[in-house]
Amino acid sequence: MEVRLPAHVEVSALIRQVEAEGGFAAVVKKGQREAGTILVILAEKGANARVFERMPQLDGTRAWHCAKTQDIENKEEFSDYLERRASQDPDLWILELDIANGERFIGLPPGFS
């Protein structure tokens, strides 16, 4: 079992890292301070948005995976997905990071999907 940082600490750290690299970061939805789940929206110049979420693994760790990609033809579907997830989990944090190769901030190789 891995040790988890409080959600607000992890969110703050991600925001500081992205801003220090010249990107934009914002909390879209604030969740439970200590133990909320974090969804990260990664985008580049407002385009190519993807939602990443950590999922439990068999070994007790939690690995990031791409849960949703934005369809350029149907942007509402992406927003609907975020709204649905937020309504299912009141403790959920949604964080948007707009920077090139945003996967590096959550420990994934660039271009990971």
PDB file of N, CA and C in Angstrom:
ATOM      1  N   MET A   1       0.844  -1.178   0.000  1.00  0.00           N
ATOM      2  CA  MET A   1       0.000   0.000   0.000  1.00  0.00           C
ATOM      3  C   MET A   1       0.889   1.241   0.000  1.00  0.00           C
ATOM      4  N   GLU A   2       0.619   2.163  -0.914  1.00  0.00           N
ATOM      5  CA  GLU A   2       1.420   3.364  -0.994  1.00  0.00           C
ATOM      6  C   GLU A   2       0.859   4.447  -0.072  1.00  0.00           C
ATOM      7  N   VAL A   3       1.723   5.325   0.384  1.00  0.00           N
ATOM      8  CA  VAL A   3       1.319   6.435   1.230  1.00  0.00           C
ATOM      9  C   VAL A   3       0.746   7.528   0.328  1.00  0.00           C
ATOM     10  N   ARG A   4      -0.382   8.094   0.716  1.00  0.00           N
ATOM     11  CA  ARG A   4      -1.035   9.132  -0.085  1.00  0.00           C
ATOM     12  C   ARG A   4      -0.861  10.494   0.561  1.00  0.00           C
ATOM     13  N   LEU A   5      -0.520  11.458  -0.260  1.00  0.00           N
ATOM     14  CA  LEU A   5      -0.513  12.849   0.190  1.00  0.00           C
ATOM     15  C   LEU A   5      -1.955  13.315   0.324  1.00  0.00           C
ATOM     16  N   PRO A   6      -2.224  14.247   1.233  1.00  0.00           N
ATOM     17  CA  PRO A   6      -3.565  14.835   1.247  1.00  0.00           C
ATOM     18  C   PRO A   6      -3.845  15.466  -0.117  1.00  0.00           C
ATOM     19  N   ALA A   7      -5.077  15.359  -0.565  1.00  0.00           N
ATOM     20  CA  ALA A   7      -5.441  15.825  -1.906  1.00  0.00           C
ATOM     21  C   ALA A   7      -5.080  17.293  -2.125  1.00  0.00           C
ATOM     22  N   HIS A   8      -5.352  18.150  -1.147  1.00  0.00           N
ATOM     23  CA  HIS A   8      -5.080  19.575  -1.339  1.00  0.00           C
ATOM     24  C   HIS A   8      -3.588  19.854  -1.503  1.00  0.00           C
ATOM     25  N   VAL A   9      -2.736  19.059  -0.881  1.00  0.00           N
ATOM     26  CA  VAL A   9      -1.287  19.227  -1.016  1.00  0.00           C
ATOM     27  C   VAL A   9      -0.851  18.816  -2.424  1.00  0.00           C
ATOM     28  N   GLU A  10      -1.355  17.691  -2.890  1.00  0.00           N
ATOM     29  CA  GLU A  10      -1.003  17.221  -4.234  1.00  0.00           C
ATOM     30  C   GLU A  10      -1.490  18.206  -5.300  1.00  0.00           C
ATOM     31  N   VAL A  11      -2.704  18.699  -5.164  1.00  0.00           N
ATOM     32  CA  VAL A  11      -3.251  19.660  -6.121  1.00  0.00           C
ATOM     33  C   VAL A  11      -2.403  20.934  -6.124  1.00  0.00           C
ATOM     34  N   SER A  12      -2.075  21.447  -4.955  1.00  0.00           N
ATOM     35  CA  SER A  12      -1.252  22.666  -4.857  1.00  0.00           C
ATOM     36  C   SER A  12       0.114  22.469  -5.499  1.00  0.00           C
ATOM     37  N   ALA A  13       0.710  21.310  -5.275  1.00  0.00           N
ATOM     38  CA  ALA A  13       2.027  21.020  -5.849  1.00  0.00           C
ATOM     39  C   ALA A  13       1.956  20.960  -7.371  1.00  0.00           C
ATOM     40  N   LEU A  14       0.934  20.311  -7.911  1.00  0.00           N
ATOM     41  CA  LEU A  14       0.778  20.242  -9.365  1.00  0.00           C
ATOM     42  C   LEU A  14       0.607  21.638  -9.965  1.00  0.00           C
ATOM     43  N   ILE A  15      -0.199  22.461  -9.333  1.00  0.00           N
ATOM     44  CA  ILE A  15      -0.415  23.826  -9.821  1.00  0.00           C
ATOM     45  C   ILE A  15       0.903  24.598  -9.827  1.00  0.00           C
ATOM     46  N   ARG A  16       1.649  24.529  -8.741  1.00  0.00           N
ATOM     47  CA  ARG A  16       2.934  25.253  -8.662  1.00  0.00           C
ATOM     48  C   ARG A  16       3.916  24.767  -9.718  1.00  0.00           C
ATOM     49  N   GLN A  17       3.992  23.448  -9.920  1.00  0.00           N
ATOM     50  CA  GLN A  17       4.922  22.899 -10.917  1.00  0.00           C
ATOM     51  C   GLN A  17       4.576  23.381 -12.320  1.00  0.00           C
ATOM     52  N   VAL A  18       3.318  23.306 -12.685  1.00  0.00           N
ATOM     53  CA  VAL A  18       2.891  23.702 -14.029  1.00  0.00           C
ATOM     54  C   VAL A  18       3.125  25.202 -14.242  1.00  0.00           C
ATOM     55  N   GLU A  19       2.756  26.009 -13.267  1.00  0.00           N
ATOM     56  CA  GLU A  19       2.955  27.454 -13.396  1.00  0.00           C
ATOM     57  C   GLU A  19       4.430  27.818 -13.458  1.00  0.00           C
ATOM     58  N   ALA A  20       5.273  27.104 -12.718  1.00  0.00           N
ATOM     59  CA  ALA A  20       6.716  27.352 -12.750  1.00  0.00           C
ATOM     60  C   ALA A  20       7.306  27.049 -14.126  1.00  0.00           C
ATOM     61  N   GLU A  21       6.657  26.145 -14.867  1.00  0.00           N
ATOM     62  CA  GLU A  21       7.116  25.780 -16.215  1.00  0.00           C
ATOM     63  C   GLU A  21       6.448  26.643 -17.294  1.00  0.00           C
ATOM     64  N   GLY A  22       5.658  27.645 -16.880  1.00  0.00           N
ATOM     65  CA  GLY A  22       5.035  28.555 -17.831  1.00  0.00           C
ATOM     66  C   GLY A  22       3.668  28.133 -18.323  1.00  0.00           C
ATOM     67  N   GLY A  23       3.080  27.122 -17.709  1.00  0.00           N
ATOM     68  CA  GLY A  23       1.759  26.647 -18.104  1.00  0.00           C
ATOM     69  C   GLY A  23       0.661  27.272 -17.267  1.00  0.00           C
ATOM     70  N   PHE A  24      -0.545  26.852 -17.542  1.00  0.00           N
ATOM     71  CA  PHE A  24      -1.730  27.313 -16.825  1.00  0.00           C
ATOM     72  C   PHE A  24      -2.311  26.144 -16.047  1.00  0.00           C
ATOM     73  N   ALA A  25      -2.714  26.403 -14.821  1.00  0.00           N
ATOM     74  CA  ALA A  25      -3.332  25.368 -13.992  1.00  0.00           C
ATOM     75  C   ALA A  25      -4.477  25.989 -13.201  1.00  0.00           C
ATOM     76  N   ALA A  26      -5.573  25.237 -13.092  1.00  0.00           N
ATOM     77  CA  ALA A  26      -6.722  25.743 -12.354  1.00  0.00           C
ATOM     78  C   ALA A  26      -7.501  24.593 -11.737  1.00  0.00           C
ATOM     79  N   VAL A  27      -8.062  24.870 -10.581  1.00  0.00           N
ATOM     80  CA  VAL A  27      -8.975  23.922  -9.948  1.00  0.00           C
ATOM     81  C   VAL A  27     -10.354  24.168 -10.550  1.00  0.00           C
ATOM     82  N   VAL A  28     -10.884  23.166 -11.222  1.00  0.00           N
ATOM     83  CA  VAL A  28     -12.213  23.240 -11.836  1.00  0.00           C
ATOM     84  C   VAL A  28     -13.270  22.898 -10.791  1.00  0.00           C
ATOM     85  N   LYS A  29     -12.960  21.931  -9.933  1.00  0.00           N
ATOM     86  CA  LYS A  29     -13.864  21.529  -8.849  1.00  0.00           C
ATOM     87  C   LYS A  29     -13.014  21.161  -7.642  1.00  0.00           C
ATOM     88  N   LYS A  30     -13.360  21.740  -6.530  1.00  0.00           N
ATOM     89  CA  LYS A  30     -12.649  21.464  -5.289  1.00  0.00           C
ATOM     90  C   LYS A  30     -13.332  20.323  -4.551  1.00  0.00           C
ATOM     91  N   GLY A  31     -12.534  19.319  -4.164  1.00  0.00           N
ATOM     92  CA  GLY A  31     -13.076  18.154  -3.484  1.00  0.00           C
ATOM     93  C   GLY A  31     -12.720  18.110  -2.012  1.00  0.00           C
ATOM     94  N   GLN A  32     -12.791  16.933  -1.452  1.00  0.00           N
ATOM     95  CA  GLN A  32     -12.488  16.728  -0.036  1.00  0.00           C
ATOM     96  C   GLN A  32     -11.004  17.007   0.205  1.00  0.00           C
ATOM     97  N   ARG A  33     -10.724  17.834   1.186  1.00  0.00           N
ATOM     98  CA  ARG A  33      -9.380  18.355   1.443  1.00  0.00           C
ATOM     99  C   ARG A  33      -8.329  17.270   1.657  1.00  0.00           C
ATOM    100  N   GLU A  34      -8.644  16.261   2.416  1.00  0.00           N
ATOM    101  CA  GLU A  34      -7.633  15.270   2.791  1.00  0.00           C
ATOM    102  C   GLU A  34      -7.587  14.055   1.868  1.00  0.00           C
ATOM    103  N   ALA A  35      -8.734  13.543   1.457  1.00  0.00           N
ATOM    104  CA  ALA A  35      -8.725  12.241   0.783  1.00  0.00           C
ATOM    105  C   ALA A  35      -9.525  12.199  -0.513  1.00  0.00           C
ATOM    106  N   GLY A  36      -9.808  13.347  -1.102  1.00  0.00           N
ATOM    107  CA  GLY A  36     -10.580  13.344  -2.335  1.00  0.00           C
ATOM    108  C   GLY A  36      -9.823  12.731  -3.502  1.00  0.00           C
ATOM    109  N   THR A  37     -10.556  12.123  -4.404  1.00  0.00           N
ATOM    110  CA  THR A  37      -9.987  11.609  -5.638  1.00  0.00           C
ATOM    111  C   THR A  37      -9.652  12.795  -6.537  1.00  0.00           C
ATOM    112  N   ILE A  38      -8.587  12.667  -7.330  1.00  0.00           N
ATOM    113  CA  ILE A  38      -8.176  13.750  -8.216  1.00  0.00           C
ATOM    114  C   ILE A  38      -8.288  13.294  -9.666  1.00  0.00           C
ATOM    115  N   LEU A  39      -9.036  14.059 -10.454  1.00  0.00           N
ATOM    116  CA  LEU A  39      -9.057  13.906 -11.904  1.00  0.00           C
ATOM    117  C   LEU A  39      -8.210  15.033 -12.457  1.00  0.00           C
ATOM    118  N   VAL A  40      -7.368  14.737 -13.424  1.00  0.00           N
ATOM    119  CA  VAL A  40      -6.529  15.757 -14.039  1.00  0.00           C
ATOM    120  C   VAL A  40      -6.886  15.849 -15.515  1.00  0.00           C
ATOM    121  N   ILE A  41      -7.273  17.052 -15.941  1.00  0.00           N
ATOM    122  CA  ILE A  41      -7.495  17.316 -17.351  1.00  0.00           C
ATOM    123  C   ILE A  41      -6.186  17.869 -17.897  1.00  0.00           C
ATOM    124  N   LEU A  42      -5.630  17.201 -18.896  1.00  0.00           N
ATOM    125  CA  LEU A  42      -4.421  17.683 -19.545  1.00  0.00           C
ATOM    126  C   LEU A  42      -4.797  18.232 -20.916  1.00  0.00           C
ATOM    127  N   ALA A  43      -4.299  19.414 -21.238  1.00  0.00           N
ATOM    128  CA  ALA A  43      -4.551  20.027 -22.537  1.00  0.00           C
ATOM    129  C   ALA A  43      -3.292  20.771 -22.964  1.00  0.00           C
ATOM    130  N   GLU A  44      -3.246  21.120 -24.241  1.00  0.00           N
ATOM    131  CA  GLU A  44      -2.152  21.924 -24.781  1.00  0.00           C
ATOM    132  C   GLU A  44      -2.764  23.065 -25.572  1.00  0.00           C
ATOM    133  N   LYS A  45      -2.597  24.286 -25.055  1.00  0.00           N
ATOM    134  CA  LYS A  45      -3.180  25.482 -25.668  1.00  0.00           C
ATOM    135  C   LYS A  45      -4.690  25.330 -25.850  1.00  0.00           C
ATOM    136  N   GLY A  46      -5.321  24.735 -24.856  1.00  0.00           N
ATOM    137  CA  GLY A  46      -6.766  24.576 -24.854  1.00  0.00           C
ATOM    138  C   GLY A  46      -7.305  23.464 -25.736  1.00  0.00           C
ATOM    139  N   ALA A  47      -6.421  22.698 -26.361  1.00  0.00           N
ATOM    140  CA  ALA A  47      -6.865  21.646 -27.273  1.00  0.00           C
ATOM    141  C   ALA A  47      -6.346  20.290 -26.810  1.00  0.00           C
ATOM    142  N   ASN A  48      -6.844  19.241 -27.454  1.00  0.00           N
ATOM    143  CA  ASN A  48      -6.391  17.874 -27.187  1.00  0.00           C
ATOM    144  C   ASN A  48      -6.576  17.496 -25.713  1.00  0.00           C
ATOM    145  N   ALA A  49      -7.729  17.821 -25.157  1.00  0.00           N
ATOM    146  CA  ALA A  49      -7.979  17.564 -23.736  1.00  0.00           C
ATOM    147  C   ALA A  49      -8.173  16.075 -23.472  1.00  0.00           C
ATOM    148  N   ARG A  50      -7.562  15.624 -22.375  1.00  0.00           N
ATOM    149  CA  ARG A  50      -7.697  14.245 -21.903  1.00  0.00           C
ATOM    150  C   ARG A  50      -7.878  14.273 -20.392  1.00  0.00           C
ATOM    151  N   VAL A  51      -8.694  13.359 -19.892  1.00  0.00           N
ATOM    152  CA  VAL A  51      -8.897  13.236 -18.444  1.00  0.00           C
ATOM    153  C   VAL A  51      -8.124  12.019 -17.957  1.00  0.00           C
ATOM    154  N   PHE A  52      -7.308  12.227 -16.924  1.00  0.00           N
ATOM    155  CA  PHE A  52      -6.567  11.140 -16.303  1.00  0.00           C
ATOM    156  C   PHE A  52      -7.050  10.956 -14.876  1.00  0.00           C
ATOM    157  N   GLU A  53      -7.124   9.690 -14.487  1.00  0.00           N
ATOM    158  CA  GLU A  53      -7.561   9.333 -13.137  1.00  0.00           C
ATOM    159  C   GLU A  53      -6.707   8.166 -12.657  1.00  0.00           C
ATOM    160  N   ARG A  54      -6.443   8.142 -11.362  1.00  0.00           N
ATOM    161  CA  ARG A  54      -5.725   7.007 -10.792  1.00  0.00           C
ATOM    162  C   ARG A  54      -6.705   5.891 -10.504  1.00  0.00           C
ATOM    163  N   MET A  55      -6.281   4.680 -10.851  1.00  0.00           N
ATOM    164  CA  MET A  55      -7.116   3.509 -10.599  1.00  0.00           C
ATOM    165  C   MET A  55      -6.328   2.516  -9.753  1.00  0.00           C
ATOM    166  N   PRO A  56      -6.987   1.865  -8.800  1.00  0.00           N
ATOM    167  CA  PRO A  56      -6.307   0.871  -7.964  1.00  0.00           C
ATOM    168  C   PRO A  56      -5.790  -0.299  -8.804  1.00  0.00           C
ATOM    169  N   GLN A  57      -4.595  -0.753  -8.455  1.00  0.00           N
ATOM    170  CA  GLN A  57      -3.976  -1.899  -9.114  1.00  0.00           C
ATOM    171  C   GLN A  57      -4.001  -3.095  -8.165  1.00  0.00           C
ATOM    172  N   LEU A  58      -3.757  -4.258  -8.686  1.00  0.00           N
ATOM    173  CA  LEU A  58      -3.769  -5.475  -7.863  1.00  0.00           C
ATOM    174  C   LEU A  58      -2.724  -5.452  -6.756  1.00  0.00           C
ATOM    175  N   ASP A  59      -1.611  -4.750  -6.990  1.00  0.00           N
ATOM    176  CA  ASP A  59      -0.547  -4.712  -5.978  1.00  0.00           C
ATOM    177  C   ASP A  59      -0.776  -3.643  -4.906  1.00  0.00           C
ATOM    178  N   GLY A  60      -1.922  -2.967  -4.949  1.00  0.00           N
ATOM    179  CA  GLY A  60      -2.244  -1.965  -3.937  1.00  0.00           C
ATOM    180  C   GLY A  60      -1.865  -0.549  -4.331  1.00  0.00           C
ATOM    181  N   THR A  61      -1.123  -0.382  -5.416  1.00  0.00           N
ATOM    182  CA  THR A  61      -0.772   0.953  -5.882  1.00  0.00           C
ATOM    183  C   THR A  61      -1.928   1.524  -6.697  1.00  0.00           C
ATOM    184  N   ARG A  62      -1.789   2.768  -7.064  1.00  0.00           N
ATOM    185  CA  ARG A  62      -2.801   3.421  -7.901  1.00  0.00           C
ATOM    186  C   ARG A  62      -2.078   4.052  -9.094  1.00  0.00           C
ATOM    187  N   ALA A  63      -2.380   3.584 -10.288  1.00  0.00           N
ATOM    188  CA  ALA A  63      -1.714   4.066 -11.501  1.00  0.00           C
ATOM    189  C   ALA A  63      -2.639   4.995 -12.286  1.00  0.00           C
ATOM    190  N   TRP A  64      -2.053   6.022 -12.903  1.00  0.00           N
ATOM    191  CA  TRP A  64      -2.809   6.936 -13.745  1.00  0.00           C
ATOM    192  C   TRP A  64      -3.186   6.248 -15.047  1.00  0.00           C
ATOM    193  N   HIS A  65      -4.395   6.492 -15.504  1.00  0.00           N
ATOM    194  CA  HIS A  65      -4.801   6.030 -16.826  1.00  0.00           C
ATOM    195  C   HIS A  65      -5.706   7.095 -17.452  1.00  0.00           C
ATOM    196  N   CYS A  66      -5.747   7.101 -18.761  1.00  0.00           N
ATOM    197  CA  CYS A  66      -6.588   8.054 -19.491  1.00  0.00           C
ATOM    198  C   CYS A  66      -8.017   7.533 -19.475  1.00  0.00           C
ATOM    199  N   ALA A  67      -8.903   8.282 -18.836  1.00  0.00           N
ATOM    200  CA  ALA A  67     -10.294   7.861 -18.712  1.00  0.00           C
ATOM    201  C   ALA A  67     -11.177   8.396 -19.839  1.00  0.00           C
ATOM    202  N   LYS A  68     -10.778   9.521 -20.436  1.00  0.00           N
ATOM    203  CA  LYS A  68     -11.617  10.135 -21.477  1.00  0.00           C
ATOM    204  C   LYS A  68     -10.768  11.088 -22.308  1.00  0.00           C
ATOM    205  N   THR A  69     -10.996  11.080 -23.617  1.00  0.00           N
ATOM    206  CA  THR A  69     -10.374  12.062 -24.504  1.00  0.00           C
ATOM    207  C   THR A  69     -11.486  12.895 -25.126  1.00  0.00           C
ATOM    208  N   GLN A  70     -11.164  14.144 -25.413  1.00  0.00           N
ATOM    209  CA  GLN A  70     -12.168  15.041 -25.976  1.00  0.00           C
ATOM    210  C   GLN A  70     -12.282  14.817 -27.478  1.00  0.00           C
ATOM    211  N   ASP A  71     -13.504  14.609 -27.933  1.00  0.00           N
ATOM    212  CA  ASP A  71     -13.801  14.479 -29.354  1.00  0.00           C
ATOM    213  C   ASP A  71     -14.055  15.881 -29.897  1.00  0.00           C
ATOM    214  N   ILE A  72     -13.247  16.299 -30.833  1.00  0.00           N
ATOM    215  CA  ILE A  72     -13.359  17.645 -31.395  1.00  0.00           C
ATOM    216  C   ILE A  72     -14.743  17.903 -31.982  1.00  0.00           C
ATOM    217  N   GLU A  73     -15.406  16.853 -32.465  1.00  0.00           N
ATOM    218  CA  GLU A  73     -16.732  16.971 -33.064  1.00  0.00           C
ATOM    219  C   GLU A  73     -17.850  17.018 -32.029  1.00  0.00           C
ATOM    220  N   ASN A  74     -17.564  16.583 -30.800  1.00  0.00           N
ATOM    221  CA  ASN A  74     -18.598  16.504 -29.768  1.00  0.00           C
ATOM    222  C   ASN A  74     -18.006  16.905 -28.418  1.00  0.00           C
ATOM    223  N   LYS A  75     -17.707  18.183 -28.263  1.00  0.00           N
ATOM    224  CA  LYS A  75     -17.084  18.672 -27.028  1.00  0.00           C
ATOM    225  C   LYS A  75     -18.010  18.556 -25.819  1.00  0.00           C
ATOM    226  N   GLU A  76     -19.313  18.568 -26.065  1.00  0.00           N
ATOM    227  CA  GLU A  76     -20.270  18.463 -24.955  1.00  0.00           C
ATOM    228  C   GLU A  76     -20.138  17.122 -24.230  1.00  0.00           C
ATOM    229  N   GLU A  77     -19.797  16.081 -24.969  1.00  0.00           N
ATOM    230  CA  GLU A  77     -19.646  14.761 -24.371  1.00  0.00           C
ATOM    231  C   GLU A  77     -18.558  14.768 -23.284  1.00  0.00           C
ATOM    232  N   PHE A  78     -17.487  15.503 -23.531  1.00  0.00           N
ATOM    233  CA  PHE A  78     -16.386  15.626 -22.566  1.00  0.00           C
ATOM    234  C   PHE A  78     -16.871  16.341 -21.306  1.00  0.00           C
ATOM    235  N   SER A  79     -17.564  17.453 -21.489  1.00  0.00           N
ATOM    236  CA  SER A  79     -18.118  18.201 -20.349  1.00  0.00           C
ATOM    237  C   SER A  79     -19.131  17.367 -19.579  1.00  0.00           C
ATOM    238  N   ASP A  80     -19.951  16.635 -20.309  1.00  0.00           N
ATOM    239  CA  ASP A  80     -20.946  15.768 -19.663  1.00  0.00           C
ATOM    240  C   ASP A  80     -20.262  14.709 -18.805  1.00  0.00           C
ATOM    241  N   TYR A  81     -19.169  14.150 -19.301  1.00  0.00           N
ATOM    242  CA  TYR A  81     -18.428  13.146 -18.545  1.00  0.00           C
ATOM    243  C   TYR A  81     -17.934  13.738 -17.218  1.00  0.00           C
ATOM    244  N   LEU A  82     -17.360  14.938 -17.285  1.00  0.00           N
ATOM    245  CA  LEU A  82     -16.859  15.584 -16.060  1.00  0.00           C
ATOM    246  C   LEU A  82     -17.994  15.870 -15.080  1.00  0.00           C
ATOM    247  N   GLU A  83     -19.113  16.350 -15.581  1.00  0.00           N
ATOM    248  CA  GLU A  83     -20.266  16.624 -14.719  1.00  0.00           C
ATOM    249  C   GLU A  83     -20.790  15.345 -14.073  1.00  0.00           C
ATOM    250  N   ARG A  84     -20.844  14.281 -14.863  1.00  0.00           N
ATOM    251  CA  ARG A  84     -21.322  12.989 -14.341  1.00  0.00           C
ATOM    252  C   ARG A  84     -20.405  12.479 -13.240  1.00  0.00           C
ATOM    253  N   ARG A  85     -19.083  12.555 -13.466  1.00  0.00           N
ATOM    254  CA  ARG A  85     -18.116  12.104 -12.448  1.00  0.00           C
ATOM    255  C   ARG A  85     -18.243  12.948 -11.179  1.00  0.00           C
ATOM    256  N   ALA A  86     -18.411  14.252 -11.339  1.00  0.00           N
ATOM    257  CA  ALA A  86     -18.534  15.140 -10.178  1.00  0.00           C
ATOM    258  C   ALA A  86     -19.808  14.834  -9.391  1.00  0.00           C
ATOM    259  N   SER A  87     -20.885  14.497 -10.084  1.00  0.00           N
ATOM    260  CA  SER A  87     -22.129  14.192  -9.374  1.00  0.00           C
ATOM    261  C   SER A  87     -22.063  12.836  -8.673  1.00  0.00           C
ATOM    262  N   GLN A  88     -21.225  11.919  -9.170  1.00  0.00           N
ATOM    263  CA  GLN A  88     -21.073  10.599  -8.556  1.00  0.00           C
ATOM    264  C   GLN A  88     -20.202  10.638  -7.310  1.00  0.00           C
ATOM    265  N   ASP A  89     -19.307  11.626  -7.243  1.00  0.00           N
ATOM    266  CA  ASP A  89     -18.326  11.673  -6.155  1.00  0.00           C
ATOM    267  C   ASP A  89     -18.188  13.105  -5.636  1.00  0.00           C
ATOM    268  N   PRO A  90     -18.876  13.453  -4.559  1.00  0.00           N
ATOM    269  CA  PRO A  90     -18.794  14.823  -4.042  1.00  0.00           C
ATOM    270  C   PRO A  90     -17.408  15.188  -3.499  1.00  0.00           C
ATOM    271  N   ASP A  91     -16.553  14.199  -3.256  1.00  0.00           N
ATOM    272  CA  ASP A  91     -15.207  14.456  -2.751  1.00  0.00           C
ATOM    273  C   ASP A  91     -14.194  14.694  -3.871  1.00  0.00           C
ATOM    274  N   LEU A  92     -14.629  14.610  -5.116  1.00  0.00           N
ATOM    275  CA  LEU A  92     -13.771  14.662  -6.284  1.00  0.00           C
ATOM    276  C   LEU A  92     -13.179  16.047  -6.530  1.00  0.00           C
ATOM    277  N   TRP A  93     -11.875  16.069  -6.817  1.00  0.00           N
ATOM    278  CA  TRP A  93     -11.181  17.264  -7.295  1.00  0.00           C
ATOM    279  C   TRP A  93     -11.055  17.130  -8.808  1.00  0.00           C
ATOM    280  N   ILE A  94     -11.263  18.222  -9.535  1.00  0.00           N
ATOM    281  CA  ILE A  94     -10.972  18.253 -10.969  1.00  0.00           C
ATOM    282  C   ILE A  94      -9.986  19.392 -11.184  1.00  0.00           C
ATOM    283  N   LEU A  95      -8.848  19.034 -11.724  1.00  0.00           N
ATOM    284  CA  LEU A  95      -7.754  19.975 -11.932  1.00  0.00           C
ATOM    285  C   LEU A  95      -7.411  20.021 -13.406  1.00  0.00           C
ATOM    286  N   GLU A  96      -7.302  21.224 -13.975  1.00  0.00           N
ATOM    287  CA  GLU A  96      -6.921  21.360 -15.382  1.00  0.00           C
ATOM    288  C   GLU A  96      -5.499  21.897 -15.473  1.00  0.00           C
ATOM    289  N   LEU A  97      -4.688  21.197 -16.256  1.00  0.00           N
ATOM    290  CA  LEU A  97      -3.307  21.604 -16.508  1.00  0.00           C
ATOM    291  C   LEU A  97      -3.169  21.831 -18.006  1.00  0.00           C
ATOM    292  N   ASP A  98      -2.853  23.045 -18.404  1.00  0.00           N
ATOM    293  CA  ASP A  98      -2.695  23.369 -19.818  1.00  0.00           C
ATOM    294  C   ASP A  98      -1.226  23.684 -20.068  1.00  0.00           C
ATOM    295  N   ILE A  99      -0.515  22.680 -20.575  1.00  0.00           N
ATOM    296  CA  ILE A  99       0.919  22.795 -20.805  1.00  0.00           C
ATOM    297  C   ILE A  99       1.348  21.654 -21.727  1.00  0.00           C
ATOM    298  N   ALA A 100       2.390  21.880 -22.509  1.00  0.00           N
ATOM    299  CA  ALA A 100       2.894  20.833 -23.396  1.00  0.00           C
ATOM    300  C   ALA A 100       3.413  19.659 -22.577  1.00  0.00           C
ATOM    301  N   ASN A 101       3.157  18.461 -23.058  1.00  0.00           N
ATOM    302  CA  ASN A 101       3.614  17.233 -22.396  1.00  0.00           C
ATOM    303  C   ASN A 101       3.200  17.183 -20.926  1.00  0.00           C
ATOM    304  N   GLY A 102       1.949  17.488 -20.665  1.00  0.00           N
ATOM    305  CA  GLY A 102       1.440  17.532 -19.302  1.00  0.00           C
ATOM    306  C   GLY A 102       1.524  16.211 -18.558  1.00  0.00           C
ATOM    307  N   GLU A 103       1.638  15.111 -19.288  1.00  0.00           N
ATOM    308  CA  GLU A 103       1.730  13.794 -18.653  1.00  0.00           C
ATOM    309  C   GLU A 103       2.911  13.710 -17.692  1.00  0.00           C
ATOM    310  N   ARG A 104       3.966  14.450 -17.971  1.00  0.00           N
ATOM    311  CA  ARG A 104       5.159  14.399 -17.102  1.00  0.00           C
ATOM    312  C   ARG A 104       4.855  14.854 -15.675  1.00  0.00           C
ATOM    313  N   PHE A 105       3.849  15.693 -15.509  1.00  0.00           N
ATOM    314  CA  PHE A 105       3.517  16.196 -14.172  1.00  0.00           C
ATOM    315  C   PHE A 105       2.792  15.159 -13.317  1.00  0.00           C
ATOM    316  N   ILE A 106       2.240  14.133 -13.964  1.00  0.00           N
ATOM    317  CA  ILE A 106       1.598  13.063 -13.202  1.00  0.00           C
ATOM    318  C   ILE A 106       2.393  11.765 -13.314  1.00  0.00           C
ATOM    319  N   GLY A 107       3.634  11.888 -13.787  1.00  0.00           N
ATOM    320  CA  GLY A 107       4.532  10.737 -13.790  1.00  0.00           C
ATOM    321  C   GLY A 107       4.382   9.796 -14.959  1.00  0.00           C
ATOM    322  N   LEU A 108       3.805  10.280 -16.068  1.00  0.00           N
ATOM    323  CA  LEU A 108       3.652   9.445 -17.252  1.00  0.00           C
ATOM    324  C   LEU A 108       4.574   9.954 -18.367  1.00  0.00           C
ATOM    325  N   PRO A 109       4.971   9.085 -19.279  1.00  0.00           N
ATOM    326  CA  PRO A 109       5.778   9.544 -20.398  1.00  0.00           C
ATOM    327  C   PRO A 109       4.960  10.434 -21.338  1.00  0.00           C
ATOM    328  N   PRO A 110       5.597  11.405 -22.022  1.00  0.00           N
ATOM    329  CA  PRO A 110       4.868  12.268 -22.954  1.00  0.00           C
ATOM    330  C   PRO A 110       4.103  11.471 -23.992  1.00  0.00           C
ATOM    331  N   GLY A 111       2.887  11.935 -24.299  1.00  0.00           N
ATOM    332  CA  GLY A 111       2.071  11.289 -25.317  1.00  0.00           C
ATOM    333  C   GLY A 111       1.328  10.051 -24.839  1.00  0.00           C
ATOM    334  N   PHE A 112       1.431   9.729 -23.563  1.00  0.00           N
ATOM    335  CA  PHE A 112       0.751   8.547 -23.011  1.00  0.00           C
ATOM    336  C   PHE A 112      -0.756   8.749 -23.111  1.00  0.00           C
ATOM    337  N   SER A 113      -1.472   7.752 -23.550  1.00  0.00           N
ATOM    338  CA  SER A 113      -2.944   7.822 -23.580  1.00  0.00           C
ATOM    339  C   SER A 113      -3.541   6.535 -23.114  1.00  0.00           C
TER     340      SER A 113
END
